[in-house]
C-alpha atoms as a PDB file:
ATOM      1  CA  UNK A   1       6.709  -2.086   9.452  1.00  0.00           C
ATOM      2  CA  UNK A   2       9.956  -3.984   9.257  1.00  0.00           C
ATOM      3  CA  UNK A   3      11.957  -3.817   6.030  1.00  0.00           C
ATOM      4  CA  UNK A   4      12.435  -6.811   3.780  1.00  0.00           C
ATOM      5  CA  UNK A   5      15.237  -8.946   5.221  1.00  0.00           C
ATOM      6  CA  UNK A   6      18.462  -8.707   3.202  1.00  0.00           C
ATOM      7  CA  UNK A   7      18.784 -12.495   2.963  1.00  0.00           C
ATOM      8  CA  UNK A   8      15.366 -12.693   1.330  1.00  0.00           C
ATOM      9  CA  UNK A   9      16.277  -9.921  -1.104  1.00  0.00           C
ATOM     10  CA  UNK A  10      19.339 -11.932  -2.141  1.00  0.00           C
ATOM     11  CA  UNK A  11      17.254 -15.108  -2.515  1.00  0.00           C
ATOM     12  CA  UNK A  12      14.933 -13.352  -4.962  1.00  0.00           C
ATOM     13  CA  UNK A  13      17.784 -11.804  -6.944  1.00  0.00           C
ATOM     14  CA  UNK A  14      19.607 -15.163  -7.186  1.00  0.00           C
ATOM     15  CA  UNK A  15      16.429 -16.820  -8.427  1.00  0.00           C
ATOM     16  CA  UNK A  16      16.148 -14.162 -11.132  1.00  0.00           C
ATOM     17  CA  UNK A  17      19.740 -14.751 -12.221  1.00  0.00           C
ATOM     18  CA  UNK A  18      19.194 -18.521 -12.497  1.00  0.00           C
ATOM     19  CA  UNK A  19      15.817 -18.323 -14.218  1.00  0.00           C
ATOM     20  CA  UNK A  20      17.147 -17.895 -17.772  1.00  0.00           C
ATOM     21  CA  UNK A  21      19.389 -20.584 -19.285  1.00  0.00           C
ATOM     22  CA  UNK A  22      23.000 -19.486 -19.781  1.00  0.00           C
ATOM     23  CA  UNK A  23      22.754 -19.680 -23.578  1.00  0.00           C
ATOM     24  CA  UNK A  24      19.851 -17.199 -23.628  1.00  0.00           C
ATOM     25  CA  UNK A  25      21.132 -14.565 -21.215  1.00  0.00           C
ATOM     26  CA  UNK A  26      22.385 -12.286 -23.991  1.00  0.00           C
ATOM     27  CA  UNK A  27      18.804 -11.828 -25.229  1.00  0.00           C
ATOM     28  CA  UNK A  28      16.627 -12.384 -22.143  1.00  0.00           C
ATOM     29  CA  UNK A  29      16.896 -11.591 -18.450  1.00  0.00           C
ATOM     30  CA  UNK A  30      14.638 -11.862 -15.457  1.00  0.00           C
ATOM     31  CA  UNK A  31      15.067  -8.897 -13.143  1.00  0.00           C
ATOM     32  CA  UNK A  32      13.518  -7.770  -9.880  1.00  0.00           C
ATOM     33  CA  UNK A  33      12.175  -4.272  -9.348  1.00  0.00           C
ATOM     34  CA  UNK A  34      11.851  -3.241  -5.719  1.00  0.00           C
ATOM     35  CA  UNK A  35       9.370  -0.673  -4.482  1.00  0.00           C
ATOM     36  CA  UNK A  36       8.770  -0.584  -0.771  1.00  0.00           C
ATOM     37  CA  UNK A  37       7.576  -4.029   0.235  1.00  0.00           C
ATOM     38  CA  UNK A  38       6.665  -5.135  -3.289  1.00  0.00           C
ATOM     39  CA  UNK A  39       8.980  -6.943  -5.683  1.00  0.00           C
ATOM     40  CA  UNK A  40       7.918  -7.057  -9.311  1.00  0.00           C
ATOM     41  CA  UNK A  41       9.543  -9.766 -11.409  1.00  0.00           C
ATOM     42  CA  UNK A  42      10.120  -8.679 -14.991  1.00  0.00           C
ATOM     43  CA  UNK A  43      11.103 -10.575 -18.117  1.00  0.00           C
ATOM     44  CA  UNK A  44      13.379  -8.308 -20.145  1.00  0.00           C
ATOM     45  CA  UNK A  45      14.172  -8.970 -23.807  1.00  0.00           C
ATOM     46  CA  UNK A  46      16.928  -7.249 -25.720  1.00  0.00           C
ATOM     47  CA  UNK A  47      18.317  -7.388 -29.227  1.00  0.00           C
ATOM     48  CA  UNK A  48      16.603  -9.047 -32.143  1.00  0.00           C
ATOM     49  CA  UNK A  49      13.180  -9.375 -30.544  1.00  0.00           C
ATOM     50  CA  UNK A  50      12.451  -5.678 -30.937  1.00  0.00           C
ATOM     51  CA  UNK A  51      15.122  -4.242 -33.182  1.00  0.00           C
ATOM     52  CA  UNK A  52      17.546  -3.591 -30.323  1.00  0.00           C
ATOM     53  CA  UNK A  53      15.450  -1.328 -28.105  1.00  0.00           C
ATOM     54  CA  UNK A  54      14.405  -3.767 -25.402  1.00  0.00           C
ATOM     55  CA  UNK A  55      10.993  -4.930 -24.220  1.00  0.00           C
ATOM     56  CA  UNK A  56       9.889  -5.712 -20.718  1.00  0.00           C
ATOM     57  CA  UNK A  57       6.976  -7.705 -19.346  1.00  0.00           C
ATOM     58  CA  UNK A  58       6.126  -7.893 -15.652  1.00  0.00           C
ATOM     59  CA  UNK A  59       4.950 -11.422 -14.866  1.00  0.00           C
ATOM     60  CA  UNK A  60       4.749 -11.765 -11.077  1.00  0.00           C
ATOM     61  CA  UNK A  61       4.808  -9.832  -7.850  1.00  0.00           C
ATOM     62  CA  UNK A  62       5.943 -10.875  -4.420  1.00  0.00           C
ATOM     63  CA  UNK A  63       4.461  -8.792  -1.632  1.00  0.00           C
ATOM     64  CA  UNK A  64       5.901  -8.688   1.858  1.00  0.00           C
ATOM     65  CA  UNK A  65       3.132  -7.954   4.347  1.00  0.00           C
ATOM     66  CA  UNK A  66       3.187  -6.236   7.713  1.00  0.00           C
ATOM     67  CA  UNK A  67       2.746  -9.735   9.180  1.00  0.00           C
ATOM     68  CA  UNK A  68       6.160 -10.704   7.656  1.00  0.00           C
ATOM     69  CA  UNK A  69       4.463 -13.100   5.227  1.00  0.00           C
ATOM     70  CA  UNK A  70       5.055 -13.166   1.481  1.00  0.00           C
ATOM     71  CA  UNK A  71       2.232 -13.542  -1.052  1.00  0.00           C
ATOM     72  CA  UNK A  72       2.447 -14.229  -4.771  1.00  0.00           C
ATOM     73  CA  UNK A  73       0.526 -12.344  -7.453  1.00  0.00           C
ATOM     74  CA  UNK A  74       0.436 -12.735 -11.213  1.00  0.00           C
ATOM     75  CA  UNK A  75      -0.491 -10.382 -14.046  1.00  0.00           C
ATOM     76  CA  UNK A  76      -3.880 -11.246 -15.461  1.00  0.00           C
ATOM     77  CA  UNK A  77      -5.024  -8.478 -17.763  1.00  0.00           C
ATOM     78  CA  UNK A  78      -5.801  -4.761 -17.828  1.00  0.00           C
ATOM     79  CA  UNK A  79      -7.419  -5.238 -14.409  1.00  0.00           C
ATOM     80  CA  UNK A  80      -3.959  -5.771 -12.957  1.00  0.00           C
ATOM     81  CA  UNK A  81      -2.482  -8.144 -10.428  1.00  0.00           C
ATOM     82  CA  UNK A  82      -4.346 -11.108  -8.942  1.00  0.00           C
ATOM     83  CA  UNK A  83      -3.314 -13.340  -6.116  1.00  0.00           C
ATOM     84  CA  UNK A  84      -1.975 -16.627  -7.420  1.00  0.00           C
ATOM     85  CA  UNK A  85      -4.556 -19.223  -6.373  1.00  0.00           C
ATOM     86  CA  UNK A  86      -2.194 -22.185  -5.900  1.00  0.00           C
ATOM     87  CA  UNK A  87       0.086 -20.680  -3.260  1.00  0.00           C
ATOM     88  CA  UNK A  88      -0.294 -19.757   0.377  1.00  0.00           C
ATOM     89  CA  UNK A  89       1.397 -16.923   2.275  1.00  0.00           C
ATOM     90  CA  UNK A  90       4.909 -17.931   3.328  1.00  0.00           C
ATOM     91  CA  UNK A  91       7.563 -16.671   5.738  1.00  0.00           C
ATOM     92  CA  UNK A  92      10.139 -16.856   2.928  1.00  0.00           C
ATOM     93  CA  UNK A  93       9.878 -15.949  -0.770  1.00  0.00           C
ATOM     94  CA  UNK A  94      11.582 -19.218  -1.774  1.00  0.00           C
ATOM     95  CA  UNK A  95       8.447 -21.456  -1.745  1.00  0.00           C
ATOM     96  CA  UNK A  96       6.615 -18.849  -3.840  1.00  0.00           C
ATOM     97  CA  UNK A  97       9.450 -18.754  -6.372  1.00  0.00           C
ATOM     98  CA  UNK A  98       9.233 -22.540  -6.497  1.00  0.00           C
ATOM     99  CA  UNK A  99       5.490 -22.175  -7.182  1.00  0.00           C
ATOM    100  CA  UNK A 100       6.397 -20.070 -10.224  1.00  0.00           C
ATOM    101  CA  UNK A 101       8.904 -22.679 -11.406  1.00  0.00           C
ATOM    102  CA  UNK A 102       6.417 -25.543 -11.275  1.00  0.00           C
ATOM    103  CA  UNK A 103       3.270 -23.653 -12.229  1.00  0.00           C
ATOM    104  CA  UNK A 104       0.899 -25.236 -14.751  1.00  0.00           C
ATOM    105  CA  UNK A 105       0.025 -21.612 -15.585  1.00  0.00           C
ATOM    106  CA  UNK A 106       3.574 -20.841 -16.762  1.00  0.00           C
ATOM    107  CA  UNK A 107       2.205 -18.732 -19.610  1.00  0.00           C
ATOM    108  CA  UNK A 108       0.900 -16.291 -17.029  1.00  0.00           C
ATOM    109  CA  UNK A 109       4.349 -15.997 -15.568  1.00  0.00           C
ATOM    110  CA  UNK A 110       6.999 -16.177 -18.271  1.00  0.00           C
ATOM    111  CA  UNK A 111       8.039 -17.623 -21.590  1.00  0.00           C
ATOM    112  CA  UNK A 112       9.335 -21.160 -21.502  1.00  0.00           C
ATOM    113  CA  UNK A 113      12.817 -21.628 -22.872  1.00  0.00           C
END
């Protein structure tokens, strides 16, 4: 299996950096956690929300398949990750990140600021 292309890694990390408005970045971040060919997107809260300790909530996964296609998953419940029904496999993660941005199911993905 080929590794995730570096350009695509940077595209995901840049999306995470831009996801939170500048005025909120001291209390909230969106980060990517990489494990093999899976990228978990996590909303991370610090400061007043939890008394200073920090809370994290995974909200989406991008999976890079052996066919070099990306698929988007979202966290449903204790049953785990489900494929996001409104997106198709893509050769780049960018269209899937755009699906997150415009999703009518934004509550499944992240808090709205």
